[in-house]
N, C-alpha and C. Protein backbone atom coordinates (compact mmCIF):
# COMPACT_ATOMS: atom_id res chain seq x y z
N UNK A 1 23.93 -9.50 2.46
CA UNK A 1 24.36 -8.87 1.23
C UNK A 1 25.38 -7.79 1.57
N UNK A 2 26.48 -7.79 0.86
CA UNK A 2 27.52 -6.80 1.09
C UNK A 2 27.06 -5.42 0.63
N UNK A 3 27.62 -4.42 1.24
CA UNK A 3 27.25 -3.04 0.91
C UNK A 3 27.41 -2.76 -0.59
N UNK A 4 28.50 -3.23 -1.18
CA UNK A 4 28.75 -2.98 -2.61
C UNK A 4 27.64 -3.63 -3.45
N UNK A 5 27.24 -4.86 -3.10
CA UNK A 5 26.18 -5.55 -3.84
C UNK A 5 24.86 -4.83 -3.69
N UNK A 6 24.58 -4.35 -2.48
CA UNK A 6 23.35 -3.61 -2.24
C UNK A 6 23.32 -2.33 -3.06
N UNK A 7 24.44 -1.61 -3.10
CA UNK A 7 24.50 -0.37 -3.89
C UNK A 7 24.33 -0.67 -5.38
N UNK A 8 24.93 -1.76 -5.85
CA UNK A 8 24.77 -2.13 -7.26
C UNK A 8 23.32 -2.46 -7.58
N UNK A 9 22.65 -3.18 -6.67
CA UNK A 9 21.25 -3.52 -6.86
C UNK A 9 20.38 -2.26 -6.89
N UNK A 10 20.61 -1.35 -5.97
CA UNK A 10 19.85 -0.10 -5.94
C UNK A 10 20.09 0.72 -7.19
N UNK A 11 21.33 0.76 -7.67
CA UNK A 11 21.64 1.50 -8.90
C UNK A 11 20.90 0.89 -10.09
N UNK A 12 20.87 -0.43 -10.16
CA UNK A 12 20.17 -1.09 -11.26
C UNK A 12 18.68 -0.81 -11.21
N UNK A 13 18.12 -0.84 -10.00
CA UNK A 13 16.68 -0.55 -9.85
C UNK A 13 16.39 0.89 -10.23
N UNK A 14 17.25 1.81 -9.84
CA UNK A 14 17.06 3.22 -10.18
C UNK A 14 17.15 3.43 -11.67
N UNK A 15 18.07 2.73 -12.33
CA UNK A 15 18.20 2.86 -13.77
C UNK A 15 16.94 2.40 -14.47
N UNK A 16 16.35 1.30 -13.99
CA UNK A 16 15.10 0.82 -14.58
C UNK A 16 13.98 1.82 -14.40
N UNK A 17 13.91 2.43 -13.22
CA UNK A 17 12.87 3.43 -12.97
C UNK A 17 13.11 4.66 -13.82
N UNK A 18 14.37 5.05 -13.99
CA UNK A 18 14.68 6.24 -14.78
C UNK A 18 14.28 6.06 -16.23
N UNK A 19 14.36 4.81 -16.73
CA UNK A 19 13.96 4.54 -18.10
C UNK A 19 12.49 4.89 -18.34
N UNK A 20 11.71 4.88 -17.28
CA UNK A 20 10.27 5.10 -17.41
C UNK A 20 9.86 6.55 -17.19
N UNK A 21 10.80 7.39 -16.83
CA UNK A 21 10.48 8.80 -16.63
C UNK A 21 10.20 9.45 -17.97
N UNK A 22 9.42 10.49 -17.95
CA UNK A 22 9.13 11.20 -19.18
C UNK A 22 8.11 10.51 -20.06
N UNK A 23 7.41 9.51 -19.52
CA UNK A 23 6.33 8.90 -20.27
C UNK A 23 6.76 7.87 -21.30
N UNK A 24 8.00 7.44 -21.27
CA UNK A 24 8.43 6.44 -22.24
C UNK A 24 8.90 5.19 -21.52
N UNK A 25 8.79 4.09 -22.21
CA UNK A 25 9.31 2.81 -21.73
C UNK A 25 10.32 2.37 -22.79
N UNK A 26 11.54 2.11 -22.39
CA UNK A 26 12.52 1.71 -23.39
C UNK A 26 12.20 0.31 -23.89
N UNK A 27 12.69 -0.06 -25.08
CA UNK A 27 12.33 -1.35 -25.67
C UNK A 27 12.68 -2.55 -24.79
N UNK A 28 13.80 -2.51 -24.10
CA UNK A 28 14.17 -3.62 -23.24
C UNK A 28 13.18 -3.79 -22.09
N UNK A 29 12.78 -2.66 -21.47
CA UNK A 29 11.81 -2.74 -20.37
C UNK A 29 10.45 -3.19 -20.91
N UNK A 30 10.09 -2.76 -22.12
CA UNK A 30 8.83 -3.19 -22.72
C UNK A 30 8.81 -4.70 -22.89
N UNK A 31 9.92 -5.30 -23.31
CA UNK A 31 9.99 -6.76 -23.45
C UNK A 31 9.85 -7.43 -22.08
N UNK A 32 10.46 -6.83 -21.06
CA UNK A 32 10.33 -7.38 -19.70
C UNK A 32 8.89 -7.33 -19.23
N UNK A 33 8.21 -6.21 -19.50
CA UNK A 33 6.82 -6.07 -19.09
C UNK A 33 5.92 -7.03 -19.85
N UNK A 34 6.21 -7.24 -21.12
CA UNK A 34 5.44 -8.20 -21.90
C UNK A 34 5.60 -9.61 -21.32
N UNK A 35 6.83 -9.97 -20.96
CA UNK A 35 7.05 -11.28 -20.32
C UNK A 35 6.30 -11.36 -19.00
N UNK A 36 6.29 -10.27 -18.23
CA UNK A 36 5.56 -10.25 -16.96
C UNK A 36 4.08 -10.54 -17.20
N UNK A 37 3.50 -9.89 -18.20
CA UNK A 37 2.09 -10.12 -18.51
C UNK A 37 1.85 -11.58 -18.88
N UNK A 38 2.67 -12.09 -19.78
CA UNK A 38 2.44 -13.45 -20.27
C UNK A 38 2.70 -14.52 -19.22
N UNK A 39 3.65 -14.28 -18.34
CA UNK A 39 4.01 -15.31 -17.35
C UNK A 39 3.38 -15.06 -15.99
N UNK A 40 3.60 -13.88 -15.42
CA UNK A 40 3.08 -13.62 -14.08
C UNK A 40 1.57 -13.42 -14.09
N UNK A 41 1.08 -12.58 -14.98
CA UNK A 41 -0.37 -12.39 -15.07
C UNK A 41 -1.02 -13.69 -15.56
N UNK A 42 -0.33 -14.33 -16.53
CA UNK A 42 -0.85 -15.57 -17.09
C UNK A 42 -0.98 -16.69 -16.08
N UNK A 43 -0.21 -16.63 -15.00
CA UNK A 43 -0.31 -17.70 -14.00
C UNK A 43 -1.68 -17.72 -13.34
N UNK A 44 -2.36 -16.59 -13.29
CA UNK A 44 -3.73 -16.56 -12.73
C UNK A 44 -4.79 -16.36 -13.82
N UNK A 45 -4.47 -15.57 -14.82
CA UNK A 45 -5.44 -15.23 -15.86
C UNK A 45 -5.38 -16.21 -17.03
N UNK A 46 -4.59 -17.26 -16.90
CA UNK A 46 -4.45 -18.24 -17.96
C UNK A 46 -3.31 -17.86 -18.89
N UNK A 47 -2.57 -18.84 -19.34
CA UNK A 47 -1.39 -18.56 -20.18
C UNK A 47 -1.75 -17.89 -21.50
N UNK A 48 -3.00 -18.00 -21.92
CA UNK A 48 -3.45 -17.28 -23.12
C UNK A 48 -4.28 -16.07 -22.73
N UNK A 49 -4.32 -15.77 -21.43
CA UNK A 49 -5.05 -14.63 -20.86
C UNK A 49 -6.56 -14.75 -21.01
N UNK A 50 -7.05 -15.96 -21.35
CA UNK A 50 -8.48 -16.19 -21.53
C UNK A 50 -9.22 -16.43 -20.22
N UNK A 51 -8.50 -16.43 -19.12
CA UNK A 51 -9.12 -16.64 -17.83
C UNK A 51 -8.63 -17.92 -17.19
N UNK A 52 -8.73 -17.94 -15.89
CA UNK A 52 -8.30 -19.08 -15.09
C UNK A 52 -8.81 -18.78 -13.69
N UNK A 53 -7.90 -18.66 -12.73
CA UNK A 53 -8.27 -18.21 -11.40
C UNK A 53 -8.84 -16.78 -11.51
N UNK A 54 -8.19 -15.96 -12.34
CA UNK A 54 -8.66 -14.61 -12.61
C UNK A 54 -9.43 -14.57 -13.92
N UNK A 55 -10.12 -13.47 -14.19
CA UNK A 55 -10.94 -13.38 -15.40
C UNK A 55 -10.12 -13.22 -16.68
N UNK A 56 -10.79 -13.37 -17.81
CA UNK A 56 -10.25 -13.13 -19.14
C UNK A 56 -9.77 -11.67 -19.19
N UNK A 57 -8.53 -11.46 -19.61
CA UNK A 57 -8.01 -10.09 -19.72
C UNK A 57 -7.54 -9.78 -21.14
N UNK A 58 -8.16 -10.42 -22.12
CA UNK A 58 -7.85 -10.11 -23.51
C UNK A 58 -8.61 -8.85 -23.93
N UNK A 59 -8.14 -8.22 -24.99
CA UNK A 59 -8.69 -6.95 -25.46
C UNK A 59 -10.21 -6.96 -25.66
N UNK A 60 -10.80 -7.97 -26.30
CA UNK A 60 -12.25 -7.92 -26.49
C UNK A 60 -13.02 -7.87 -25.17
N UNK A 61 -12.53 -8.57 -24.17
CA UNK A 61 -13.19 -8.60 -22.87
C UNK A 61 -13.01 -7.27 -22.14
N UNK A 62 -11.86 -6.64 -22.35
CA UNK A 62 -11.56 -5.37 -21.68
C UNK A 62 -12.07 -4.15 -22.44
N UNK A 63 -12.66 -4.37 -23.62
CA UNK A 63 -13.15 -3.25 -24.43
C UNK A 63 -14.05 -2.35 -23.61
N UNK A 64 -13.82 -1.07 -23.72
CA UNK A 64 -14.62 -0.10 -22.98
C UNK A 64 -13.99 0.31 -21.66
N UNK A 65 -13.01 -0.44 -21.19
CA UNK A 65 -12.31 -0.06 -19.96
C UNK A 65 -11.35 1.07 -20.27
N UNK A 66 -11.27 2.03 -19.39
CA UNK A 66 -10.31 3.12 -19.55
C UNK A 66 -8.92 2.63 -19.13
N UNK A 67 -7.88 2.99 -19.89
CA UNK A 67 -6.54 2.55 -19.52
C UNK A 67 -6.13 2.98 -18.11
N UNK A 68 -6.56 4.17 -17.70
CA UNK A 68 -6.22 4.67 -16.36
C UNK A 68 -6.84 3.78 -15.29
N UNK A 69 -8.06 3.35 -15.51
CA UNK A 69 -8.76 2.49 -14.57
C UNK A 69 -8.09 1.12 -14.48
N UNK A 70 -7.72 0.58 -15.62
CA UNK A 70 -7.05 -0.71 -15.66
C UNK A 70 -5.68 -0.62 -14.98
N UNK A 71 -4.95 0.47 -15.23
CA UNK A 71 -3.65 0.66 -14.59
C UNK A 71 -3.80 0.74 -13.07
N UNK A 72 -4.86 1.39 -12.60
CA UNK A 72 -5.10 1.48 -11.15
C UNK A 72 -5.35 0.10 -10.57
N UNK A 73 -6.11 -0.72 -11.28
CA UNK A 73 -6.37 -2.09 -10.82
C UNK A 73 -5.06 -2.88 -10.75
N UNK A 74 -4.21 -2.70 -11.75
CA UNK A 74 -2.92 -3.38 -11.76
C UNK A 74 -2.08 -2.93 -10.56
N UNK A 75 -2.05 -1.63 -10.32
CA UNK A 75 -1.22 -1.10 -9.23
C UNK A 75 -1.75 -1.45 -7.85
N UNK A 76 -3.07 -1.37 -7.66
CA UNK A 76 -3.64 -1.50 -6.32
C UNK A 76 -4.32 -2.84 -6.05
N UNK A 77 -4.44 -3.68 -7.07
CA UNK A 77 -5.08 -4.97 -6.89
C UNK A 77 -6.57 -4.83 -6.67
N UNK A 78 -7.22 -5.92 -6.32
CA UNK A 78 -8.66 -5.95 -6.05
C UNK A 78 -8.85 -6.59 -4.68
N UNK A 79 -9.17 -5.79 -3.68
CA UNK A 79 -9.35 -6.35 -2.32
C UNK A 79 -10.39 -7.48 -2.31
N UNK A 80 -10.11 -8.49 -1.53
CA UNK A 80 -11.04 -9.61 -1.40
C UNK A 80 -10.94 -10.63 -2.52
N UNK A 81 -9.97 -10.43 -3.43
CA UNK A 81 -9.76 -11.39 -4.52
C UNK A 81 -8.28 -11.80 -4.53
N UNK A 82 -7.94 -12.65 -5.46
CA UNK A 82 -6.54 -13.08 -5.59
C UNK A 82 -5.69 -12.07 -6.35
N UNK A 83 -6.30 -10.99 -6.86
CA UNK A 83 -5.55 -9.98 -7.63
C UNK A 83 -4.70 -9.15 -6.68
N UNK A 84 -3.35 -9.32 -6.76
CA UNK A 84 -2.47 -8.58 -5.86
C UNK A 84 -2.22 -7.16 -6.36
N UNK A 85 -1.73 -6.34 -5.48
CA UNK A 85 -1.26 -5.00 -5.84
C UNK A 85 0.15 -5.12 -6.38
N UNK A 86 0.38 -4.57 -7.56
CA UNK A 86 1.70 -4.59 -8.17
C UNK A 86 2.47 -3.30 -7.93
N UNK A 87 1.87 -2.35 -7.19
CA UNK A 87 2.51 -1.05 -6.95
C UNK A 87 3.93 -1.18 -6.37
N UNK A 88 4.19 -2.14 -5.50
CA UNK A 88 5.56 -2.24 -4.98
C UNK A 88 6.60 -2.61 -6.06
N UNK A 89 6.14 -3.15 -7.19
CA UNK A 89 7.06 -3.63 -8.21
C UNK A 89 7.02 -2.84 -9.51
N UNK A 90 5.96 -2.07 -9.73
CA UNK A 90 5.78 -1.35 -10.99
C UNK A 90 5.57 0.14 -10.74
N UNK A 91 6.03 0.95 -11.67
CA UNK A 91 5.74 2.38 -11.63
C UNK A 91 4.35 2.61 -12.24
N UNK A 92 3.82 3.78 -12.06
CA UNK A 92 2.53 4.12 -12.67
C UNK A 92 2.64 4.04 -14.19
N UNK A 93 3.76 4.51 -14.73
CA UNK A 93 3.95 4.48 -16.19
C UNK A 93 4.00 3.04 -16.69
N UNK A 94 4.64 2.14 -15.95
CA UNK A 94 4.70 0.74 -16.36
C UNK A 94 3.32 0.09 -16.30
N UNK A 95 2.55 0.41 -15.27
CA UNK A 95 1.18 -0.13 -15.18
C UNK A 95 0.34 0.37 -16.34
N UNK A 96 0.53 1.63 -16.72
CA UNK A 96 -0.20 2.18 -17.86
C UNK A 96 0.23 1.49 -19.16
N UNK A 97 1.53 1.19 -19.29
CA UNK A 97 2.01 0.48 -20.47
C UNK A 97 1.33 -0.89 -20.54
N UNK A 98 1.24 -1.59 -19.41
CA UNK A 98 0.59 -2.90 -19.37
C UNK A 98 -0.89 -2.77 -19.74
N UNK A 99 -1.55 -1.75 -19.21
CA UNK A 99 -2.96 -1.53 -19.54
C UNK A 99 -3.13 -1.31 -21.04
N UNK A 100 -2.28 -0.47 -21.61
CA UNK A 100 -2.34 -0.23 -23.06
C UNK A 100 -2.06 -1.51 -23.84
N UNK A 101 -1.09 -2.28 -23.36
CA UNK A 101 -0.75 -3.56 -23.99
C UNK A 101 -1.96 -4.51 -24.00
N UNK A 102 -2.63 -4.60 -22.86
CA UNK A 102 -3.79 -5.49 -22.78
C UNK A 102 -4.94 -5.00 -23.65
N UNK A 103 -5.11 -3.70 -23.73
CA UNK A 103 -6.21 -3.15 -24.52
C UNK A 103 -5.94 -3.19 -26.03
N UNK A 104 -4.69 -3.36 -26.41
CA UNK A 104 -4.30 -3.44 -27.82
C UNK A 104 -4.25 -4.90 -28.24
N UNK A 105 -5.36 -5.42 -28.72
CA UNK A 105 -5.45 -6.83 -29.07
C UNK A 105 -4.50 -7.28 -30.15
N UNK A 106 -3.96 -6.36 -30.93
CA UNK A 106 -3.03 -6.74 -32.01
C UNK A 106 -1.72 -7.31 -31.48
N UNK A 107 -1.37 -6.95 -30.24
CA UNK A 107 -0.08 -7.39 -29.69
C UNK A 107 -0.21 -8.72 -28.96
N UNK A 108 -1.38 -9.26 -28.84
CA UNK A 108 -1.55 -10.50 -28.08
C UNK A 108 -1.68 -11.68 -29.02
């Protein structure tokens, strides 16, 4: 990869991270995160999130879970299972957005 391409890639990644500073997720990033949940999470948790290789992660099943706890699971994975750590790809704020998204059954 040429230096210019690498710098452009790093700038784009920084811009995405900057969008998440201050506790907000911009609408474009929110759509990307929603697609991530439906496609990437869905590949193990089932395309309807009702379970598959991984457990059901729909709101009724997650009821009572704290969003902070769920975000930690998203970021750090579950050792000894197929649940990977997403920390290399997501910020803490993005993981919290996903946790809130999963806990809000109206959006699914």
